PDB file of all heavy atoms in Angstrom:
ATOM      1  N   SER A   1       5.656   8.308  14.067  1.00  0.00           N
ATOM      2  CA  SER A   1       4.566   7.431  14.319  1.00  0.00           C
ATOM      3  C   SER A   1       3.369   8.361  14.413  1.00  0.00           C
ATOM      4  O   SER A   1       3.306   9.482  14.787  1.00  0.00           O
ATOM      5  CB  SER A   1       4.669   6.649  15.618  1.00  0.00           C
ATOM      6  OG  SER A   1       4.860   7.449  16.732  1.00  0.00           O
ATOM      7  N   PHE A   2       2.063   7.825  14.249  1.00  0.00           N
ATOM      8  CA  PHE A   2       0.895   8.471  14.346  1.00  0.00           C
ATOM      9  C   PHE A   2      -0.183   7.552  14.808  1.00  0.00           C
ATOM     10  O   PHE A   2      -0.070   6.305  14.670  1.00  0.00           O
ATOM     11  CB  PHE A   2       0.492   9.268  13.041  1.00  0.00           C
ATOM     12  CG  PHE A   2       0.301   8.208  11.931  1.00  0.00           C
ATOM     13  CD1 PHE A   2      -1.025   7.862  11.584  1.00  0.00           C
ATOM     14  CD2 PHE A   2       1.377   7.788  11.124  1.00  0.00           C
ATOM     15  CE1 PHE A   2      -1.248   6.973  10.526  1.00  0.00           C
ATOM     16  CE2 PHE A   2       1.030   6.979   9.997  1.00  0.00           C
ATOM     17  CZ  PHE A   2      -0.189   6.554   9.746  1.00  0.00           C
ATOM     18  N   TYR A   3      -1.317   8.137  15.431  1.00  0.00           N
ATOM     19  CA  TYR A   3      -2.428   7.283  15.707  1.00  0.00           C
ATOM     20  C   TYR A   3      -3.445   7.259  14.676  1.00  0.00           C
ATOM     21  O   TYR A   3      -3.772   8.303  14.171  1.00  0.00           O
ATOM     22  CB  TYR A   3      -3.026   7.766  17.094  1.00  0.00           C
ATOM     23  CG  TYR A   3      -2.146   7.562  18.245  1.00  0.00           C
ATOM     24  CD1 TYR A   3      -1.256   8.612  18.685  1.00  0.00           C
ATOM     25  CD2 TYR A   3      -2.071   6.281  18.861  1.00  0.00           C
ATOM     26  CE1 TYR A   3      -0.375   8.365  19.740  1.00  0.00           C
ATOM     27  CE2 TYR A   3      -1.186   6.140  19.878  1.00  0.00           C
ATOM     28  CZ  TYR A   3      -0.397   7.122  20.376  1.00  0.00           C
ATOM     29  OH  TYR A   3       0.522   6.892  21.449  1.00  0.00           O
ATOM     30  N   GLN A   4      -3.898   6.099  14.309  1.00  0.00           N
ATOM     31  CA  GLN A   4      -4.965   5.924  13.290  1.00  0.00           C
ATOM     32  C   GLN A   4      -6.248   5.935  14.039  1.00  0.00           C
ATOM     33  O   GLN A   4      -6.630   4.894  14.636  1.00  0.00           O
ATOM     34  CB  GLN A   4      -4.701   4.725  12.532  1.00  0.00           C
ATOM     35  CG  GLN A   4      -5.825   4.531  11.465  1.00  0.00           C
ATOM     36  CD  GLN A   4      -5.565   5.528  10.243  1.00  0.00           C
ATOM     37  OE1 GLN A   4      -4.544   5.844   9.897  1.00  0.00           O
ATOM     38  NE2 GLN A   4      -6.746   5.956   9.662  1.00  0.00           N
ATOM     39  N   LYS A   5      -7.009   7.048  14.112  1.00  0.00           N
ATOM     40  CA  LYS A   5      -8.222   7.119  14.900  1.00  0.00           C
ATOM     41  C   LYS A   5      -9.489   6.686  14.122  1.00  0.00           C
ATOM     42  O   LYS A   5     -10.426   6.366  14.736  1.00  0.00           O
ATOM     43  CB  LYS A   5      -8.389   8.528  15.448  1.00  0.00           C
ATOM     44  CG  LYS A   5      -7.321   8.899  16.380  1.00  0.00           C
ATOM     45  CD  LYS A   5      -7.595  10.334  17.000  1.00  0.00           C
ATOM     46  CE  LYS A   5      -6.434  10.657  17.945  1.00  0.00           C
ATOM     47  NZ  LYS A   5      -6.661  10.712  19.265  1.00  0.00           N
ATOM     48  N   GLU A   6      -9.353   6.546  12.802  1.00  0.00           N
ATOM     49  CA  GLU A   6     -10.380   5.990  11.988  1.00  0.00           C
ATOM     50  C   GLU A   6     -10.678   4.590  12.321  1.00  0.00           C
ATOM     51  O   GLU A   6      -9.783   3.835  12.603  1.00  0.00           O
ATOM     52  CB  GLU A   6     -10.171   6.261  10.562  1.00  0.00           C
ATOM     53  CG  GLU A   6      -9.927   7.743  10.204  1.00  0.00           C
ATOM     54  CD  GLU A   6      -9.521   7.974   8.739  1.00  0.00           C
ATOM     55  OE1 GLU A   6      -8.534   7.212   8.447  1.00  0.00           O
ATOM     56  OE2 GLU A   6     -10.090   8.729   8.128  1.00  0.00           O
ATOM     57  N   GLU A   7     -12.001   4.296  12.192  1.00  0.00           N
ATOM     58  CA  GLU A   7     -12.310   2.797  12.403  1.00  0.00           C
ATOM     59  C   GLU A   7     -11.982   2.018  11.251  1.00  0.00           C
ATOM     60  O   GLU A   7     -11.764   0.773  11.393  1.00  0.00           O
ATOM     61  CB  GLU A   7     -13.858   2.639  12.717  1.00  0.00           C
ATOM     62  CG  GLU A   7     -14.150   3.178  14.083  1.00  0.00           C
ATOM     63  CD  GLU A   7     -15.611   2.979  14.393  1.00  0.00           C
ATOM     64  OE1 GLU A   7     -16.226   2.183  13.797  1.00  0.00           O
ATOM     65  OE2 GLU A   7     -16.107   3.547  15.309  1.00  0.00           O
ATOM     66  N   ASN A   8     -11.728   2.548  10.023  1.00  0.00           N
ATOM     67  CA  ASN A   8     -11.489   1.733   8.889  1.00  0.00           C
ATOM     68  C   ASN A   8     -10.101   2.100   8.373  1.00  0.00           C
ATOM     69  O   ASN A   8      -9.835   3.264   8.154  1.00  0.00           O
ATOM     70  CB  ASN A   8     -12.567   2.004   7.751  1.00  0.00           C
ATOM     71  CG  ASN A   8     -13.879   1.597   8.108  1.00  0.00           C
ATOM     72  OD1 ASN A   8     -13.973   0.405   8.662  1.00  0.00           O
ATOM     73  ND2 ASN A   8     -14.855   2.345   7.918  1.00  0.00           N
ATOM     74  N   ILE A   9      -9.274   1.094   8.150  1.00  0.00           N
ATOM     75  CA  ILE A   9      -8.066   1.296   7.505  1.00  0.00           C
ATOM     76  C   ILE A   9      -8.094   0.517   6.177  1.00  0.00           C
ATOM     77  O   ILE A   9      -8.422  -0.671   6.177  1.00  0.00           O
ATOM     78  CB  ILE A   9      -6.857   0.636   8.394  1.00  0.00           C
ATOM     79  CG1 ILE A   9      -6.852   1.362   9.763  1.00  0.00           C
ATOM     80  CG2 ILE A   9      -5.537   0.710   7.760  1.00  0.00           C
ATOM     81  CD1 ILE A   9      -5.967   0.640  10.796  1.00  0.00           C
ATOM     82  N   THR A  10      -7.842   1.224   5.060  1.00  0.00           N
ATOM     83  CA  THR A  10      -7.957   0.688   3.728  1.00  0.00           C
ATOM     84  C   THR A  10      -6.577   0.491   3.132  1.00  0.00           C
ATOM     85  O   THR A  10      -5.822   1.479   3.225  1.00  0.00           O
ATOM     86  CB  THR A  10      -8.883   1.546   2.893  1.00  0.00           C
ATOM     87  OG1 THR A  10     -10.162   1.692   3.486  1.00  0.00           O
ATOM     88  CG2 THR A  10      -9.074   0.874   1.478  1.00  0.00           C
ATOM     89  N   THR A  11      -6.406  -0.581   2.630  1.00  0.00           N
ATOM     90  CA  THR A  11      -5.019  -0.906   1.945  1.00  0.00           C
ATOM     91  C   THR A  11      -5.239  -2.053   1.048  1.00  0.00           C
ATOM     92  O   THR A  11      -6.203  -2.686   0.951  1.00  0.00           O
ATOM     93  CB  THR A  11      -4.024  -1.246   3.179  1.00  0.00           C
ATOM     94  OG1 THR A  11      -2.698  -1.322   2.486  1.00  0.00           O
ATOM     95  CG2 THR A  11      -4.313  -2.476   3.891  1.00  0.00           C
ATOM     96  N   ASP A  12      -4.232  -2.468   0.280  1.00  0.00           N
ATOM     97  CA  ASP A  12      -4.308  -3.704  -0.672  1.00  0.00           C
ATOM     98  C   ASP A  12      -3.942  -4.997   0.008  1.00  0.00           C
ATOM     99  O   ASP A  12      -4.319  -5.926  -0.390  1.00  0.00           O
ATOM    100  CB  ASP A  12      -3.389  -3.410  -1.833  1.00  0.00           C
ATOM    101  CG  ASP A  12      -3.857  -2.255  -2.656  1.00  0.00           C
ATOM    102  OD1 ASP A  12      -5.074  -2.020  -2.842  1.00  0.00           O
ATOM    103  OD2 ASP A  12      -2.965  -1.601  -3.210  1.00  0.00           O
ATOM    104  N   LEU A  13      -3.089  -4.849   1.062  1.00  0.00           N
ATOM    105  CA  LEU A  13      -2.576  -6.106   1.735  1.00  0.00           C
ATOM    106  C   LEU A  13      -2.441  -5.814   3.202  1.00  0.00           C
ATOM    107  O   LEU A  13      -1.790  -4.903   3.596  1.00  0.00           O
ATOM    108  CB  LEU A  13      -1.221  -6.485   1.107  1.00  0.00           C
ATOM    109  CG  LEU A  13      -0.774  -7.932   1.325  1.00  0.00           C
ATOM    110  CD1 LEU A  13      -1.671  -9.057   0.676  1.00  0.00           C
ATOM    111  CD2 LEU A  13       0.680  -8.092   0.860  1.00  0.00           C
ATOM    112  N   ILE A  14      -3.005  -6.792   4.003  1.00  0.00           N
ATOM    113  CA  ILE A  14      -2.861  -6.674   5.396  1.00  0.00           C
ATOM    114  C   ILE A  14      -2.270  -7.978   5.996  1.00  0.00           C
ATOM    115  O   ILE A  14      -2.903  -9.178   5.551  1.00  0.00           O
ATOM    116  CB  ILE A  14      -4.187  -6.439   6.143  1.00  0.00           C
ATOM    117  CG1 ILE A  14      -4.821  -5.131   5.640  1.00  0.00           C
ATOM    118  CG2 ILE A  14      -3.907  -6.347   7.655  1.00  0.00           C
ATOM    119  CD1 ILE A  14      -6.218  -4.969   6.195  1.00  0.00           C
ATOM    120  N   SER A  15      -1.210  -7.980   6.658  1.00  0.00           N
ATOM    121  CA  SER A  15      -0.680  -9.138   7.353  1.00  0.00           C
ATOM    122  C   SER A  15      -0.790  -8.884   8.868  1.00  0.00           C
ATOM    123  O   SER A  15      -0.152  -7.983   9.398  1.00  0.00           O
ATOM    124  CB  SER A  15       0.705  -9.454   6.905  1.00  0.00           C
ATOM    125  OG  SER A  15       1.238 -10.478   7.553  1.00  0.00           O
ATOM    126  N   LEU A  16      -1.449  -9.845   9.533  1.00  0.00           N
ATOM    127  CA  LEU A  16      -1.878  -9.590  10.966  1.00  0.00           C
ATOM    128  C   LEU A  16      -1.253 -10.766  11.753  1.00  0.00           C
ATOM    129  O   LEU A  16      -1.370 -11.923  11.444  1.00  0.00           O
ATOM    130  CB  LEU A  16      -3.368  -9.589  11.199  1.00  0.00           C
ATOM    131  CG  LEU A  16      -4.174  -8.524  10.478  1.00  0.00           C
ATOM    132  CD1 LEU A  16      -5.566  -9.034  10.319  1.00  0.00           C
ATOM    133  CD2 LEU A  16      -4.111  -7.291  11.197  1.00  0.00           C
ATOM    134  N   ILE A  17      -0.668 -10.432  12.943  1.00  0.00           N
ATOM    135  CA  ILE A  17      -0.294 -11.457  13.899  1.00  0.00           C
ATOM    136  C   ILE A  17      -0.846 -10.949  15.204  1.00  0.00           C
ATOM    137  O   ILE A  17      -0.579  -9.832  15.696  1.00  0.00           O
ATOM    138  CB  ILE A  17       1.282 -11.621  13.974  1.00  0.00           C
ATOM    139  CG1 ILE A  17       1.718 -12.296  12.754  1.00  0.00           C
ATOM    140  CG2 ILE A  17       1.638 -12.424  15.145  1.00  0.00           C
ATOM    141  CD1 ILE A  17       3.185 -12.588  12.640  1.00  0.00           C
ATOM    142  N   SER A  18      -1.544 -11.852  15.937  1.00  0.00           N
ATOM    143  CA  SER A  18      -2.096 -11.416  17.201  1.00  0.00           C
ATOM    144  C   SER A  18      -1.030 -11.989  18.319  1.00  0.00           C
ATOM    145  O   SER A  18      -0.339 -12.972  18.027  1.00  0.00           O
ATOM    146  CB  SER A  18      -3.421 -12.047  17.503  1.00  0.00           C
ATOM    147  OG  SER A  18      -3.509 -13.375  17.360  1.00  0.00           O
ATOM    148  N   PHE A  19      -1.127 -11.416  19.443  1.00  0.00           N
ATOM    149  CA  PHE A  19      -0.217 -11.888  20.512  1.00  0.00           C
ATOM    150  C   PHE A  19      -0.985 -11.935  21.876  1.00  0.00           C
ATOM    151  O   PHE A  19      -1.942 -11.051  22.045  1.00  0.00           O
ATOM    152  CB  PHE A  19       1.157 -11.193  20.654  1.00  0.00           C
ATOM    153  CG  PHE A  19       1.006  -9.692  20.755  1.00  0.00           C
ATOM    154  CD1 PHE A  19       0.997  -9.143  22.041  1.00  0.00           C
ATOM    155  CD2 PHE A  19       1.023  -8.864  19.704  1.00  0.00           C
ATOM    156  CE1 PHE A  19       0.876  -7.736  22.185  1.00  0.00           C
ATOM    157  CE2 PHE A  19       0.896  -7.570  19.854  1.00  0.00           C
ATOM    158  CZ  PHE A  19       0.832  -6.887  21.137  1.00  0.00           C
ATOM    159  N   ALA A  20      -0.647 -12.714  22.740  1.00  0.00           N
ATOM    160  CA  ALA A  20      -1.258 -12.852  24.115  1.00  0.00           C
ATOM    161  C   ALA A  20      -0.293 -13.127  25.139  1.00  0.00           C
ATOM    162  O   ALA A  20       0.873 -13.767  24.889  1.00  0.00           O
ATOM    163  CB  ALA A  20      -2.324 -13.850  24.030  1.00  0.00           C
ATOM    164  N   GLY A  21      -0.586 -12.780  26.337  1.00  0.00           N
ATOM    165  CA  GLY A  21       0.245 -12.954  27.525  1.00  0.00           C
ATOM    166  C   GLY A  21      -0.240 -11.886  28.567  1.00  0.00           C
ATOM    167  O   GLY A  21      -1.508 -11.690  28.664  1.00  0.00           O
ATOM    168  N   GLU A  22       0.660 -11.347  29.351  1.00  0.00           N
ATOM    169  CA  GLU A  22       0.313 -10.220  30.177  1.00  0.00           C
ATOM    170  C   GLU A  22      -0.395  -9.071  29.350  1.00  0.00           C
ATOM    171  O   GLU A  22      -1.204  -8.431  29.915  1.00  0.00           O
ATOM    172  CB  GLU A  22       1.482  -9.616  31.048  1.00  0.00           C
ATOM    173  CG  GLU A  22       1.982 -10.584  32.174  1.00  0.00           C
ATOM    174  CD  GLU A  22       3.101  -9.977  32.805  1.00  0.00           C
ATOM    175  OE1 GLU A  22       2.988  -8.718  33.181  1.00  0.00           O
ATOM    176  OE2 GLU A  22       4.105 -10.735  33.115  1.00  0.00           O
ATOM    177  N   HIS A  23       0.156  -8.937  28.247  1.00  0.00           N
ATOM    178  CA  HIS A  23      -0.464  -7.984  27.260  1.00  0.00           C
ATOM    179  C   HIS A  23      -0.896  -8.785  26.046  1.00  0.00           C
ATOM    180  O   HIS A  23      -0.355  -9.793  25.692  1.00  0.00           O
ATOM    181  CB  HIS A  23       0.614  -6.936  26.862  1.00  0.00           C
ATOM    182  CG  HIS A  23       1.076  -6.010  28.049  1.00  0.00           C
ATOM    183  ND1 HIS A  23       1.935  -6.456  28.924  1.00  0.00           N
ATOM    184  CD2 HIS A  23       0.710  -4.807  28.337  1.00  0.00           C
ATOM    185  CE1 HIS A  23       2.033  -5.528  29.802  1.00  0.00           C
ATOM    186  NE2 HIS A  23       1.361  -4.469  29.467  1.00  0.00           N
ATOM    187  N   SER A  24      -1.942  -8.156  25.411  1.00  0.00           N
ATOM    188  CA  SER A  24      -2.421  -8.763  24.241  1.00  0.00           C
ATOM    189  C   SER A  24      -2.546  -7.706  23.123  1.00  0.00           C
ATOM    190  O   SER A  24      -2.625  -6.526  23.445  1.00  0.00           O
ATOM    191  CB  SER A  24      -3.729  -9.512  24.377  1.00  0.00           C
ATOM    192  OG  SER A  24      -4.693  -8.613  24.885  1.00  0.00           O
ATOM    193  N   GLY A  25      -2.620  -8.162  21.963  1.00  0.00           N
ATOM    194  CA  GLY A  25      -2.845  -7.037  20.797  1.00  0.00           C
ATOM    195  C   GLY A  25      -2.632  -7.758  19.487  1.00  0.00           C
ATOM    196  O   GLY A  25      -2.628  -8.955  19.359  1.00  0.00           O
ATOM    197  N   ILE A  26      -2.346  -6.910  18.503  1.00  0.00           N
ATOM    198  CA  ILE A  26      -2.093  -7.244  17.129  1.00  0.00           C
ATOM    199  C   ILE A  26      -1.075  -6.448  16.635  1.00  0.00           C
ATOM    200  O   ILE A  26      -0.834  -5.183  16.879  1.00  0.00           O
ATOM    201  CB  ILE A  26      -3.393  -6.987  16.275  1.00  0.00           C
ATOM    202  CG1 ILE A  26      -4.536  -7.705  16.876  1.00  0.00           C
ATOM    203  CG2 ILE A  26      -3.085  -7.264  14.826  1.00  0.00           C
ATOM    204  CD1 ILE A  26      -5.909  -7.397  16.294  1.00  0.00           C
ATOM    205  N   ILE A  27      -0.090  -7.053  15.920  1.00  0.00           N
ATOM    206  CA  ILE A  27       0.985  -6.293  15.024  1.00  0.00           C
ATOM    207  C   ILE A  27       0.561  -6.499  13.636  1.00  0.00           C
ATOM    208  O   ILE A  27       0.218  -7.708  13.294  1.00  0.00           O
ATOM    209  CB  ILE A  27       2.357  -6.564  15.471  1.00  0.00           C
ATOM    210  CG1 ILE A  27       3.264  -5.776  14.784  1.00  0.00           C
ATOM    211  CG2 ILE A  27       2.646  -8.067  15.226  1.00  0.00           C
ATOM    212  CD1 ILE A  27       4.719  -5.714  15.373  1.00  0.00           C
ATOM    213  N   ALA A  28       0.578  -5.559  12.803  1.00  0.00           N
ATOM    214  CA  ALA A  28       0.151  -5.753  11.341  1.00  0.00           C
ATOM    215  C   ALA A  28       1.033  -4.982  10.439  1.00  0.00           C
ATOM    216  O   ALA A  28       1.570  -3.896  10.785  1.00  0.00           O
ATOM    217  CB  ALA A  28      -1.313  -5.346  11.249  1.00  0.00           C
ATOM    218  N   LEU A  29       1.126  -5.534   9.280  1.00  0.00           N
ATOM    219  CA  LEU A  29       1.843  -4.835   8.122  1.00  0.00           C
ATOM    220  C   LEU A  29       0.823  -4.405   7.141  1.00  0.00           C
ATOM    221  O   LEU A  29       0.013  -5.243   6.694  1.00  0.00           O
ATOM    222  CB  LEU A  29       2.843  -5.816   7.629  1.00  0.00           C
ATOM    223  CG  LEU A  29       3.766  -5.162   6.389  1.00  0.00           C
ATOM    224  CD1 LEU A  29       4.630  -3.996   6.863  1.00  0.00           C
ATOM    225  CD2 LEU A  29       4.671  -6.344   5.830  1.00  0.00           C
ATOM    226  N   PHE A  30       0.664  -3.108   6.825  1.00  0.00           N
ATOM    227  CA  PHE A  30      -0.286  -2.649   5.871  1.00  0.00           C
ATOM    228  C   PHE A  30       0.508  -2.047   4.648  1.00  0.00           C
ATOM    229  O   PHE A  30       1.324  -1.120   4.790  1.00  0.00           O
ATOM    230  CB  PHE A  30      -1.085  -1.434   6.472  1.00  0.00           C
ATOM    231  CG  PHE A  30      -1.820  -1.783   7.688  1.00  0.00           C
ATOM    232  CD1 PHE A  30      -1.249  -1.570   8.986  1.00  0.00           C
ATOM    233  CD2 PHE A  30      -3.124  -2.270   7.599  1.00  0.00           C
ATOM    234  CE1 PHE A  30      -2.052  -1.962  10.173  1.00  0.00           C
ATOM    235  CE2 PHE A  30      -3.888  -2.620   8.800  1.00  0.00           C
ATOM    236  CZ  PHE A  30      -3.225  -2.391  10.044  1.00  0.00           C
ATOM    237  N   CYS A  31       0.202  -2.608   3.543  1.00  0.00           N
ATOM    238  CA  CYS A  31       0.883  -2.101   2.357  1.00  0.00           C
ATOM    239  C   CYS A  31      -0.033  -2.124   1.083  1.00  0.00           C
ATOM    240  O   CYS A  31      -0.878  -2.965   0.929  1.00  0.00           O
ATOM    241  CB  CYS A  31       2.309  -2.818   2.070  1.00  0.00           C
ATOM    242  SG  CYS A  31       2.227  -4.500   2.156  1.00  0.00           S
ATOM    243  N   ASN A  32       0.272  -1.253   0.087  1.00  0.00           N
ATOM    244  CA  ASN A  32      -0.409  -1.274  -1.163  1.00  0.00           C
ATOM    245  C   ASN A  32       0.226  -2.230  -2.034  1.00  0.00           C
ATOM    246  O   ASN A  32       1.367  -2.795  -1.727  1.00  0.00           O
ATOM    247  CB  ASN A  32      -0.439   0.115  -1.768  1.00  0.00           C
ATOM    248  CG  ASN A  32       0.912   0.720  -2.183  1.00  0.00           C
ATOM    249  OD1 ASN A  32       1.822  -0.096  -2.579  1.00  0.00           O
ATOM    250  ND2 ASN A  32       1.158   1.940  -2.053  1.00  0.00           N
ATOM    251  N   LYS A  33      -0.278  -2.542  -3.050  1.00  0.00           N
ATOM    252  CA  LYS A  33       0.194  -3.628  -3.999  1.00  0.00           C
ATOM    253  C   LYS A  33       1.567  -3.318  -4.454  1.00  0.00           C
ATOM    254  O   LYS A  33       2.442  -4.250  -4.442  1.00  0.00           O
ATOM    255  CB  LYS A  33      -0.734  -3.737  -5.232  1.00  0.00           C
ATOM    256  CG  LYS A  33      -0.325  -4.705  -6.300  1.00  0.00           C
ATOM    257  CD  LYS A  33      -1.333  -4.842  -7.373  1.00  0.00           C
ATOM    258  CE  LYS A  33      -0.792  -5.895  -8.427  1.00  0.00           C
ATOM    259  NZ  LYS A  33      -1.667  -5.950  -9.574  1.00  0.00           N
ATOM    260  N   SER A  34       1.857  -2.127  -4.873  1.00  0.00           N
ATOM    261  CA  SER A  34       3.155  -1.755  -5.457  1.00  0.00           C
ATOM    262  C   SER A  34       4.370  -2.067  -4.427  1.00  0.00           C
ATOM    263  O   SER A  34       5.387  -2.693  -4.754  1.00  0.00           O
ATOM    264  CB  SER A  34       3.236  -0.306  -5.773  1.00  0.00           C
ATOM    265  OG  SER A  34       4.461   0.108  -6.298  1.00  0.00           O
ATOM    266  N   ILE A  35       4.187  -1.579  -3.193  1.00  0.00           N
ATOM    267  CA  ILE A  35       5.333  -1.762  -2.158  1.00  0.00           C
ATOM    268  C   ILE A  35       5.305  -3.202  -1.798  1.00  0.00           C
ATOM    269  O   ILE A  35       6.334  -3.765  -1.499  1.00  0.00           O
ATOM    270  CB  ILE A  35       5.208  -0.812  -0.973  1.00  0.00           C
ATOM    271  CG1 ILE A  35       6.426  -0.833  -0.081  1.00  0.00           C
ATOM    272  CG2 ILE A  35       3.980  -1.133  -0.179  1.00  0.00           C
ATOM    273  CD1 ILE A  35       7.633  -0.117  -0.801  1.00  0.00           C
ATOM    274  N   ALA A  36       4.137  -3.952  -1.735  1.00  0.00           N
ATOM    275  CA  ALA A  36       4.197  -5.440  -1.462  1.00  0.00           C
ATOM    276  C   ALA A  36       5.002  -6.159  -2.508  1.00  0.00           C
ATOM    277  O   ALA A  36       5.825  -7.042  -2.155  1.00  0.00           O
ATOM    278  CB  ALA A  36       2.694  -5.884  -1.316  1.00  0.00           C
ATOM    279  N   LEU A  37       4.845  -5.829  -3.731  1.00  0.00           N
ATOM    280  CA  LEU A  37       5.577  -6.425  -4.869  1.00  0.00           C
ATOM    281  C   LEU A  37       7.054  -6.067  -4.766  1.00  0.00           C
ATOM    282  O   LEU A  37       7.777  -6.975  -4.985  1.00  0.00           O
ATOM    283  CB  LEU A  37       4.956  -5.990  -6.173  1.00  0.00           C
ATOM    284  CG  LEU A  37       3.559  -6.518  -6.524  1.00  0.00           C
ATOM    285  CD1 LEU A  37       3.089  -5.873  -7.868  1.00  0.00           C
ATOM    286  CD2 LEU A  37       3.459  -8.018  -6.487  1.00  0.00           C
TER     287      LEU A  37
END
């Protein structure tokens, strides 16, 4: 694992799910076109 400190993440496809409760956040899948296919 690594921390993405840049403000911009560039990719071909982003799938995001937000969550809320005692903790909140986002889980996302980032992939280029080739791996998505």
